[in-house]
Amino acid sequence: MQKEQIADILKNPKKQQIIAESDFHFQKGQDALKKWLDMKISDGLKTQLLELSKDYDQIQEEAKTNQEIKTVLEHLFEIISYCDSKAKDKLIYNQYEDKRCLAMAFVRMNNWVEHLILFKLNPTQLKVGSTKNAFNYLLDPGNNATILSENHRELIIKNLSKKEFDSVNFVNDLKSLFREFNISVKNPLNYTDLL
């Protein structure tokens, strides 16, 4: 990459917005995820959610008559609306005027719902991938990235740094790629989103 190419990219209005933003660019998504993780759930509801998480149609059907399930599902839809540009009812649940989200993740709603339930109730069962990368980013943006796909991460590292891809070190490798350009943002939590 050339310095001139980077300078041109950084002139983009969306990039300028991220650079100048004093708040974390995805604060509403982070707040929604933290609210879900802090939500008190009875053992009975926990069991029910884990069972229903594998059947997206059934959990939606159950939400029609069970207020607890409906509340959980609506909250999950809100989180997803900040993660994926193709999220169901994003225009309803995403509270940003510009409807910003982490990525065009191409993750099906049933996977988002199941993985959010697992992330809270049985995190050891959730494998590395786009959804887990999204949740990790929202919780710790300084040490994660909005590049959610493991395949995309691997391609970036292999093509730009000619290094072997290591999922654990991806963010450090990404930052290393751009260190020489001295790119700065007003809020350091927005740096990896800009990259």
Protein backbone atom coordinates (compact mmCIF):
# COMPACT_ATOMS: atom_id res chain seq x y z
CA MET A 1 0.00 0.00 0.00
CA GLN A 2 1.14 3.48 -0.78
CA LYS A 3 0.81 6.47 1.53
CA GLU A 4 -1.13 8.31 -1.19
CA GLN A 5 -3.67 5.47 -1.46
CA ILE A 6 -4.22 5.48 2.30
CA ALA A 7 -4.55 9.29 2.32
CA ASP A 8 -7.20 9.10 -0.43
CA ILE A 9 -9.16 6.41 1.42
CA LEU A 10 -9.08 8.45 4.62
CA LYS A 11 -10.73 11.41 2.80
CA ASN A 12 -13.93 9.38 2.45
CA PRO A 13 -16.74 11.05 4.48
CA LYS A 14 -17.55 7.83 6.36
CA LYS A 15 -13.88 7.41 7.29
CA GLN A 16 -13.73 11.05 8.37
CA GLN A 17 -16.76 10.49 10.61
CA ILE A 18 -15.01 7.58 12.34
CA ILE A 19 -11.79 9.59 12.72
CA ALA A 20 -13.59 12.59 14.27
CA GLU A 21 -16.02 10.62 16.46
CA SER A 22 -15.43 11.33 20.15
CA ASP A 23 -17.67 8.46 21.28
CA PHE A 24 -17.21 4.79 20.52
CA HIS A 25 -18.73 4.44 17.02
CA PHE A 26 -20.82 1.39 18.04
CA GLN A 27 -21.69 2.37 21.62
CA LYS A 28 -25.37 1.48 21.19
CA GLY A 29 -24.45 -2.00 20.00
CA GLN A 30 -22.06 -2.43 22.90
CA ASP A 31 -24.72 -1.26 25.36
CA ALA A 32 -27.28 -3.67 23.91
CA LEU A 33 -24.89 -6.62 24.12
CA LYS A 34 -23.86 -5.77 27.70
CA LYS A 35 -27.53 -5.48 28.66
CA TRP A 36 -28.13 -8.98 27.25
CA LEU A 37 -25.12 -10.40 29.08
CA ASP A 38 -26.24 -8.77 32.36
CA MET A 39 -29.89 -9.82 31.99
CA LYS A 40 -31.07 -12.10 34.80
CA ILE A 41 -32.51 -15.34 33.42
CA SER A 42 -34.14 -18.06 35.46
CA ASP A 43 -32.91 -21.65 35.15
CA GLY A 44 -36.19 -22.62 33.50
CA LEU A 45 -35.92 -19.87 30.88
CA LYS A 46 -32.24 -20.70 30.35
CA THR A 47 -33.12 -24.32 29.56
CA GLN A 48 -35.94 -23.23 27.27
CA LEU A 49 -33.75 -20.72 25.40
CA LEU A 50 -30.98 -23.27 24.86
CA GLU A 51 -33.51 -25.75 23.48
CA LEU A 52 -35.23 -23.17 21.27
CA SER A 53 -31.99 -21.60 20.05
CA LYS A 54 -31.53 -24.38 17.49
CA ASP A 55 -34.98 -23.81 15.95
CA TYR A 56 -35.45 -20.23 14.74
CA ASP A 57 -39.02 -20.78 13.57
CA GLN A 58 -39.99 -22.34 16.89
CA ILE A 59 -38.44 -19.58 19.02
CA GLN A 60 -40.37 -16.98 17.00
CA GLU A 61 -43.56 -19.00 17.40
CA GLU A 62 -42.97 -19.31 21.15
CA ALA A 63 -42.39 -15.54 21.40
CA LYS A 64 -45.97 -14.95 20.23
CA THR A 65 -47.38 -16.40 23.46
CA ASN A 66 -44.47 -16.17 25.92
CA GLN A 67 -43.61 -12.61 27.00
CA GLU A 68 -40.21 -13.61 28.45
CA ILE A 69 -39.15 -15.23 25.17
CA LYS A 70 -40.53 -12.28 23.20
CA THR A 71 -38.52 -9.82 25.32
CA VAL A 72 -35.33 -11.85 24.87
CA LEU A 73 -35.87 -12.25 21.12
CA GLU A 74 -36.51 -8.54 20.63
CA HIS A 75 -33.36 -7.74 22.56
CA LEU A 76 -31.37 -10.18 20.42
CA PHE A 77 -32.78 -8.56 17.27
CA GLU A 78 -31.55 -5.20 18.56
CA ILE A 79 -28.00 -6.51 19.04
CA ILE A 80 -28.03 -8.15 15.62
CA SER A 81 -29.21 -4.88 14.04
CA TYR A 82 -25.89 -3.32 15.07
CA CYS A 83 -23.84 -6.30 13.84
CA ASP A 84 -25.15 -7.13 10.37
CA SER A 85 -26.33 -4.81 7.60
CA LYS A 86 -28.78 -7.49 6.46
CA ALA A 87 -30.35 -8.05 9.90
CA LYS A 88 -34.08 -8.66 10.12
CA ASP A 89 -35.94 -5.46 11.03
CA LYS A 90 -32.70 -3.50 11.24
CA LEU A 91 -34.59 -0.30 10.46
CA ILE A 92 -36.74 -0.86 13.54
CA TYR A 93 -34.15 -2.00 16.06
CA ASN A 94 -31.02 -0.06 15.05
CA GLN A 95 -31.24 3.30 16.81
CA TYR A 96 -28.51 5.06 14.82
CA GLU A 97 -29.80 7.63 12.38
CA ASP A 98 -27.39 6.31 9.72
CA LYS A 99 -28.25 2.66 10.65
CA ARG A 100 -24.54 1.83 10.95
CA CYS A 101 -23.54 -1.72 11.69
CA LEU A 102 -20.31 -3.68 12.00
CA ALA A 103 -20.39 -5.46 8.66
CA MET A 104 -22.29 -7.04 5.82
CA ALA A 105 -21.75 -10.35 7.58
CA PHE A 106 -23.97 -12.66 5.50
CA VAL A 107 -24.90 -14.57 8.66
CA ARG A 108 -28.43 -15.97 8.82
CA MET A 109 -30.70 -14.68 11.57
CA ASN A 110 -31.09 -18.17 13.04
CA ASN A 111 -27.31 -18.34 13.54
CA TRP A 112 -27.16 -14.88 15.12
CA VAL A 113 -29.93 -15.79 17.57
CA GLU A 114 -28.46 -19.18 18.44
CA HIS A 115 -24.97 -17.77 18.87
CA LEU A 116 -26.10 -14.86 21.06
CA ILE A 117 -27.89 -17.33 23.32
CA LEU A 118 -24.80 -19.54 23.46
CA PHE A 119 -22.51 -16.55 24.02
CA LYS A 120 -24.42 -15.77 27.22
CA LEU A 121 -25.57 -19.15 28.45
CA ASN A 122 -22.95 -21.63 27.21
CA PRO A 123 -19.97 -19.69 25.78
CA THR A 124 -17.64 -22.68 25.52
CA GLN A 125 -19.95 -24.12 22.84
CA LEU A 126 -19.54 -21.08 20.55
CA LYS A 127 -16.75 -21.60 18.06
CA VAL A 128 -14.60 -18.91 16.45
CA GLY A 129 -16.35 -17.23 13.54
CA SER A 130 -18.13 -14.10 12.36
CA THR A 131 -20.70 -13.96 15.15
CA LYS A 132 -18.21 -14.49 17.97
CA ASN A 133 -15.86 -11.96 16.35
CA ALA A 134 -18.73 -9.43 16.30
CA PHE A 135 -19.55 -9.98 19.97
CA ASN A 136 -15.88 -9.77 20.96
CA TYR A 137 -15.51 -6.54 18.98
CA LEU A 138 -18.48 -4.92 20.69
CA LEU A 139 -17.15 -5.85 24.12
CA ASP A 140 -13.50 -4.96 23.46
CA PRO A 141 -13.12 -2.86 20.31
CA GLY A 142 -9.51 -1.93 20.97
CA ASN A 143 -8.43 -5.56 20.71
CA ASN A 144 -10.83 -6.79 18.04
CA ALA A 145 -11.93 -5.72 14.56
CA THR A 146 -15.04 -5.22 12.46
CA ILE A 147 -13.59 -7.60 9.91
CA LEU A 148 -15.74 -10.49 11.10
CA SER A 149 -15.11 -13.32 8.64
CA GLU A 150 -12.20 -15.60 9.47
CA ASN A 151 -11.72 -16.13 5.72
CA HIS A 152 -11.46 -12.38 5.12
CA ARG A 153 -9.06 -12.02 8.02
CA GLU A 154 -6.85 -14.73 6.59
CA LEU A 155 -6.87 -13.18 3.11
CA ILE A 156 -5.91 -9.77 4.49
CA ILE A 157 -2.93 -11.10 6.41
CA LYS A 158 -1.71 -13.44 3.68
CA ASN A 159 -2.08 -10.87 0.89
CA LEU A 160 -0.91 -7.72 2.67
CA SER A 161 1.75 -9.00 5.04
CA LYS A 162 2.72 -12.28 3.39
CA LYS A 163 2.59 -13.86 6.85
CA GLU A 164 0.81 -17.00 7.93
CA PHE A 165 -2.61 -16.26 9.38
CA ASP A 166 -3.00 -16.68 13.13
CA SER A 167 -6.53 -15.97 14.36
CA VAL A 168 -5.35 -15.07 17.86
CA ASN A 169 -2.88 -12.45 16.58
CA PHE A 170 -5.04 -11.07 13.77
CA VAL A 171 -5.72 -7.65 15.31
CA ASN A 172 -2.07 -7.09 16.23
CA ASP A 173 -1.04 -8.11 12.71
CA LEU A 174 -3.67 -5.76 11.25
CA LYS A 175 -2.43 -2.86 13.37
CA SER A 176 1.15 -3.64 12.31
CA LEU A 177 0.17 -3.36 8.65
CA PHE A 178 -0.93 0.25 9.15
CA ARG A 179 1.52 1.43 11.84
CA GLU A 180 3.81 3.17 9.32
CA PHE A 181 0.95 5.42 8.15
CA ASN A 182 0.49 7.09 11.57
CA ILE A 183 -3.29 7.01 11.33
CA SER A 184 -5.01 8.46 14.36
CA VAL A 185 -8.59 8.73 15.56
CA LYS A 186 -10.13 10.96 18.21
CA ASN A 187 -11.38 7.95 20.19
CA PRO A 188 -8.88 5.05 20.25
CA LEU A 189 -11.76 2.54 20.44
CA ASN A 190 -12.60 3.45 16.83
CA TYR A 191 -9.13 2.68 15.43
CA THR A 192 -9.70 -0.93 14.40
CA ASP A 193 -13.08 -0.04 12.88
CA LEU A 194 -11.29 2.54 10.73
CA LEU A 195 -8.71 -0.05 9.67
